Amino acid sequence: MGHIEHKTLNDQAYERIKKGLVSSEFKPGEVLVIRQLADTYGISVTPVREALQRLVAEQSLHFLPNRSIAVPVLTVDSFEELRQIRCALEGLAGELAAPKLTATHTQRLQSIVDAIDENIERREVRAYLANNQKFHFFIYERSGLPVLLQMIQNLWVQVGPYFYGLFEDSHYLAHANEGHKRIMAAIREGRPAAVRQSVMDDINEAGTSLIPRLRELTD
């Protein structure tokens, strides 16, 4: 019984840390302190340590020379590569999901877009990031392709820590929700290829905003 429980705690810790990476709870270069994470999640140290090692094995985190574990700082080239892959995979997920989105789904998506407008106005970074993620994954999940969804999640684990930087770019922020509104228009018009293009545009606009910040981190 103990073994099953341990396995569950291990998975729990793994999922929580992964979710934290996706939703920008951790910043690029941040060192993850096992004891601190254990306290935050109310899970003992061992499952947290094992979850971190699992994420290192997946290259979502990495060891520093002193053996502590940190969020990787991506080079501009790596970020660009991830951006291209995201465009291909997320664009595909959007295109395939579009015909499956019902009026109820569209209503739900619209309520997330409205919430994002409020988050931007009130400068609520955490809520904005959570809703942005919710919006994208609500669409991608409707593609009905679990392997594709898993691949997209793994990409977000790598780029998620950078999304926080979008709030430091006031020019981007002023237009941050426009990409989502274009995606919504394409969904409403029943144009799957336009959904794909709008998803790609949204990823590219965010990428263009983040590249200068990346240069500061890596210079």
Protein backbone atom coordinates (compact mmCIF):
# COMPACT_ATOMS: atom_id res chain seq x y z
CA MET A 1 0.00 0.00 0.00
CA GLY A 2 2.82 2.36 0.99
CA HIS A 3 4.38 1.92 -2.43
CA ILE A 4 1.20 2.95 -4.27
CA GLU A 5 0.79 5.98 -2.01
CA HIS A 6 4.42 6.95 -2.57
CA LYS A 7 3.95 6.65 -6.33
CA THR A 8 0.91 8.91 -6.16
CA LEU A 9 2.78 11.56 -4.14
CA ASN A 10 5.62 11.34 -6.63
CA ASP A 11 3.21 11.93 -9.52
CA GLN A 12 1.46 14.68 -7.58
CA ALA A 13 4.70 16.54 -6.98
CA TYR A 14 5.70 16.04 -10.62
CA GLU A 15 2.38 17.40 -11.92
CA ARG A 16 2.45 20.40 -9.54
CA ILE A 17 5.98 21.44 -10.51
CA LYS A 18 5.23 20.90 -14.20
CA LYS A 19 2.08 23.03 -13.86
CA GLY A 20 4.17 25.69 -12.12
CA LEU A 21 6.58 25.78 -15.06
CA VAL A 22 3.75 26.02 -17.60
CA SER A 23 2.02 28.85 -15.73
CA SER A 24 5.17 30.94 -15.10
CA GLU A 25 5.28 30.32 -11.34
CA PHE A 26 9.01 29.73 -11.77
CA LYS A 27 11.28 32.17 -13.57
CA PRO A 28 14.17 31.40 -15.97
CA GLY A 29 17.31 30.60 -13.97
CA GLU A 30 15.41 30.17 -10.70
CA VAL A 31 16.84 27.54 -8.36
CA LEU A 32 14.18 25.15 -7.04
CA VAL A 33 14.59 24.47 -3.32
CA ILE A 34 13.33 21.00 -2.41
CA ARG A 35 12.38 21.83 1.19
CA GLN A 36 10.51 24.96 0.09
CA LEU A 37 8.53 23.09 -2.59
CA ALA A 38 7.74 20.31 -0.11
CA ASP A 39 6.32 22.90 2.32
CA THR A 40 4.38 24.71 -0.42
CA TYR A 41 2.75 21.53 -1.73
CA GLY A 42 2.40 19.82 1.66
CA ILE A 43 4.28 16.80 0.31
CA SER A 44 7.35 15.21 1.91
CA VAL A 45 10.85 15.88 0.60
CA THR A 46 11.49 12.51 -1.13
CA PRO A 47 8.66 12.67 -3.72
CA VAL A 48 9.61 16.29 -4.50
CA ARG A 49 13.26 15.33 -5.00
CA GLU A 50 12.27 12.43 -7.27
CA ALA A 51 9.87 14.64 -9.26
CA LEU A 52 12.65 17.19 -9.81
CA GLN A 53 15.04 14.47 -10.98
CA ARG A 54 12.37 13.23 -13.39
CA LEU A 55 12.02 16.76 -14.82
CA VAL A 56 15.83 16.98 -15.18
CA ALA A 57 15.78 13.68 -17.10
CA GLU A 58 13.14 15.21 -19.40
CA GLN A 59 15.33 18.32 -19.77
CA SER A 60 12.59 20.57 -18.37
CA LEU A 61 14.97 21.46 -15.51
CA HIS A 62 18.73 21.13 -15.25
CA PHE A 63 21.52 20.59 -12.72
CA LEU A 64 23.81 23.50 -11.93
CA PRO A 65 27.52 22.78 -11.31
CA ASN A 66 26.81 22.76 -7.53
CA ARG A 67 24.15 20.03 -8.08
CA SER A 68 21.21 22.30 -7.28
CA ILE A 69 18.33 22.16 -9.75
CA ALA A 70 17.22 25.20 -11.73
CA VAL A 71 14.90 26.36 -14.51
CA PRO A 72 17.01 26.48 -17.68
CA VAL A 73 17.75 29.82 -19.33
CA LEU A 74 17.06 29.29 -23.03
CA THR A 75 19.32 30.71 -25.71
CA VAL A 76 17.63 32.83 -28.37
CA ASP A 77 18.23 29.99 -30.87
CA SER A 78 16.56 27.41 -28.61
CA PHE A 79 13.63 29.73 -28.01
CA GLU A 80 13.26 30.31 -31.76
CA GLU A 81 13.29 26.56 -32.40
CA LEU A 82 10.59 26.00 -29.77
CA ARG A 83 8.55 28.84 -31.27
CA GLN A 84 8.61 27.20 -34.71
CA ILE A 85 7.62 23.81 -33.29
CA ARG A 86 4.85 25.42 -31.24
CA CYS A 87 3.48 27.16 -34.34
CA ALA A 88 3.34 23.83 -36.20
CA LEU A 89 1.81 21.77 -33.38
CA GLU A 90 -0.49 24.35 -31.78
CA GLY A 91 -1.64 25.57 -35.18
CA LEU A 92 -2.50 21.97 -36.10
CA ALA A 93 -4.36 21.42 -32.80
CA GLY A 94 -6.35 24.63 -33.36
CA GLU A 95 -7.25 23.69 -36.92
CA LEU A 96 -8.39 20.19 -35.94
CA ALA A 97 -10.31 21.43 -32.88
CA ALA A 98 -12.20 24.17 -34.73
CA PRO A 99 -14.91 21.98 -36.35
CA LYS A 100 -15.54 20.26 -33.00
CA LEU A 101 -16.20 23.45 -31.02
CA THR A 102 -19.89 23.83 -30.17
CA ALA A 103 -21.77 27.04 -29.36
CA THR A 104 -21.33 26.22 -25.65
CA HIS A 105 -17.57 25.84 -26.12
CA THR A 106 -17.42 29.17 -27.95
CA GLN A 107 -19.33 30.84 -25.13
CA ARG A 108 -16.87 29.43 -22.59
CA LEU A 109 -13.91 30.67 -24.66
CA GLN A 110 -15.48 34.11 -24.96
CA SER A 111 -15.82 34.33 -21.17
CA ILE A 112 -12.07 33.56 -20.84
CA VAL A 113 -11.28 36.29 -23.41
CA ASP A 114 -13.43 38.77 -21.43
CA ALA A 115 -11.61 37.78 -18.23
CA ILE A 116 -8.23 38.36 -19.95
CA ASP A 117 -9.32 41.90 -20.88
CA GLU A 118 -9.99 42.54 -17.19
CA ASN A 119 -6.70 40.94 -16.12
CA ILE A 120 -4.77 43.25 -18.46
CA GLU A 121 -6.67 46.32 -17.33
CA ARG A 122 -6.02 45.51 -13.66
CA ARG A 123 -2.48 44.30 -14.37
CA GLU A 124 -3.17 40.93 -12.74
CA VAL A 125 -0.19 38.98 -14.05
CA ARG A 126 -0.95 35.61 -12.43
CA ALA A 127 -4.61 35.63 -13.48
CA TYR A 128 -3.68 36.71 -17.01
CA LEU A 129 -1.18 33.87 -17.38
CA ALA A 130 -3.64 31.31 -15.96
CA ASN A 131 -6.41 32.48 -18.31
CA ASN A 132 -4.10 32.61 -21.33
CA GLN A 133 -3.14 28.99 -20.69
CA LYS A 134 -6.79 28.04 -20.08
CA PHE A 135 -7.84 29.62 -23.39
CA HIS A 136 -5.22 27.83 -25.49
CA PHE A 137 -5.58 24.42 -23.88
CA PHE A 138 -9.40 24.56 -23.93
CA ILE A 139 -9.10 24.72 -27.73
CA TYR A 140 -6.25 22.21 -28.09
CA GLU A 141 -8.00 19.62 -25.90
CA ARG A 142 -10.95 19.65 -28.31
CA SER A 143 -8.65 18.35 -31.08
CA GLY A 144 -9.14 14.94 -29.46
CA LEU A 145 -5.49 13.99 -30.03
CA PRO A 146 -3.86 13.05 -26.70
CA VAL A 147 -0.32 12.57 -28.10
CA LEU A 148 -0.40 15.99 -29.76
CA LEU A 149 -1.70 17.56 -26.54
CA GLN A 150 1.10 15.93 -24.52
CA MET A 151 3.70 17.31 -26.94
CA ILE A 152 2.23 20.82 -26.67
CA GLN A 153 2.22 20.58 -22.86
CA ASN A 154 5.89 19.61 -22.87
CA LEU A 155 6.70 22.64 -25.05
CA TRP A 156 4.85 24.93 -22.63
CA VAL A 157 6.88 23.48 -19.74
CA GLN A 158 9.98 24.88 -21.49
CA VAL A 159 8.60 28.26 -22.55
CA GLY A 160 6.13 28.90 -19.68
CA PRO A 161 8.70 30.48 -17.34
CA TYR A 162 9.23 33.22 -19.96
CA PHE A 163 5.59 34.27 -20.33
CA TYR A 164 5.84 36.38 -17.18
CA GLY A 165 8.06 38.74 -19.19
CA LEU A 166 5.15 39.64 -21.45
CA PHE A 167 3.78 41.85 -18.69
CA GLU A 168 7.00 43.87 -18.73
CA ASP A 169 6.35 44.92 -22.32
CA SER A 170 3.62 47.57 -22.22
CA HIS A 171 3.39 47.72 -26.02
CA TYR A 172 2.71 43.99 -26.23
CA LEU A 173 0.31 44.14 -23.30
CA ALA A 174 -1.89 46.71 -25.02
CA HIS A 175 -2.50 44.16 -27.81
CA ALA A 176 -2.10 40.91 -25.85
CA ASN A 177 -5.72 39.84 -26.20
CA GLU A 178 -6.12 40.74 -29.88
CA GLY A 179 -4.63 37.42 -30.99
CA HIS A 180 -7.24 35.57 -28.93
CA LYS A 181 -10.00 37.68 -30.46
CA ARG A 182 -8.79 36.82 -33.96
CA ILE A 183 -8.79 33.13 -33.04
CA MET A 184 -12.37 33.55 -31.76
CA ALA A 185 -13.49 35.27 -34.99
CA ALA A 186 -12.04 32.43 -37.09
CA ILE A 187 -13.80 29.84 -34.88
CA ARG A 188 -17.13 31.66 -35.17
CA GLU A 189 -16.76 31.94 -38.94
CA GLY A 190 -16.09 28.19 -39.14
CA ARG A 191 -12.69 28.63 -40.84
CA PRO A 192 -10.28 25.98 -39.43
CA ALA A 193 -7.33 27.11 -41.61
CA ALA A 194 -7.78 30.67 -40.30
CA VAL A 195 -7.82 29.30 -36.73
CA ARG A 196 -4.45 27.66 -37.44
CA GLN A 197 -3.04 30.92 -38.83
CA SER A 198 -4.42 33.00 -35.93
CA VAL A 199 -2.89 30.61 -33.37
CA MET A 200 0.47 30.89 -35.16
CA ASP A 201 0.23 34.69 -35.27
CA ASP A 202 -0.53 34.78 -31.54
CA ILE A 203 2.56 32.64 -30.76
CA ASN A 204 4.76 34.74 -33.06
CA GLU A 205 3.64 38.08 -31.61
CA ALA A 206 4.41 36.89 -28.07
CA GLY A 207 7.74 35.51 -29.28
CA THR A 208 8.70 38.83 -30.87
CA SER A 209 8.02 40.56 -27.54
CA LEU A 210 10.04 38.03 -25.53
CA ILE A 211 13.19 37.81 -27.69
CA PRO A 212 14.74 41.13 -26.45
CA ARG A 213 14.17 39.98 -22.85
CA LEU A 214 15.88 36.69 -23.64
CA ARG A 215 18.88 38.54 -25.00
CA GLU A 216 19.17 40.41 -21.69
CA LEU A 217 19.13 37.10 -19.78
CA THR A 218 21.70 35.39 -21.97
CA ASP A 219 24.13 38.26 -22.69
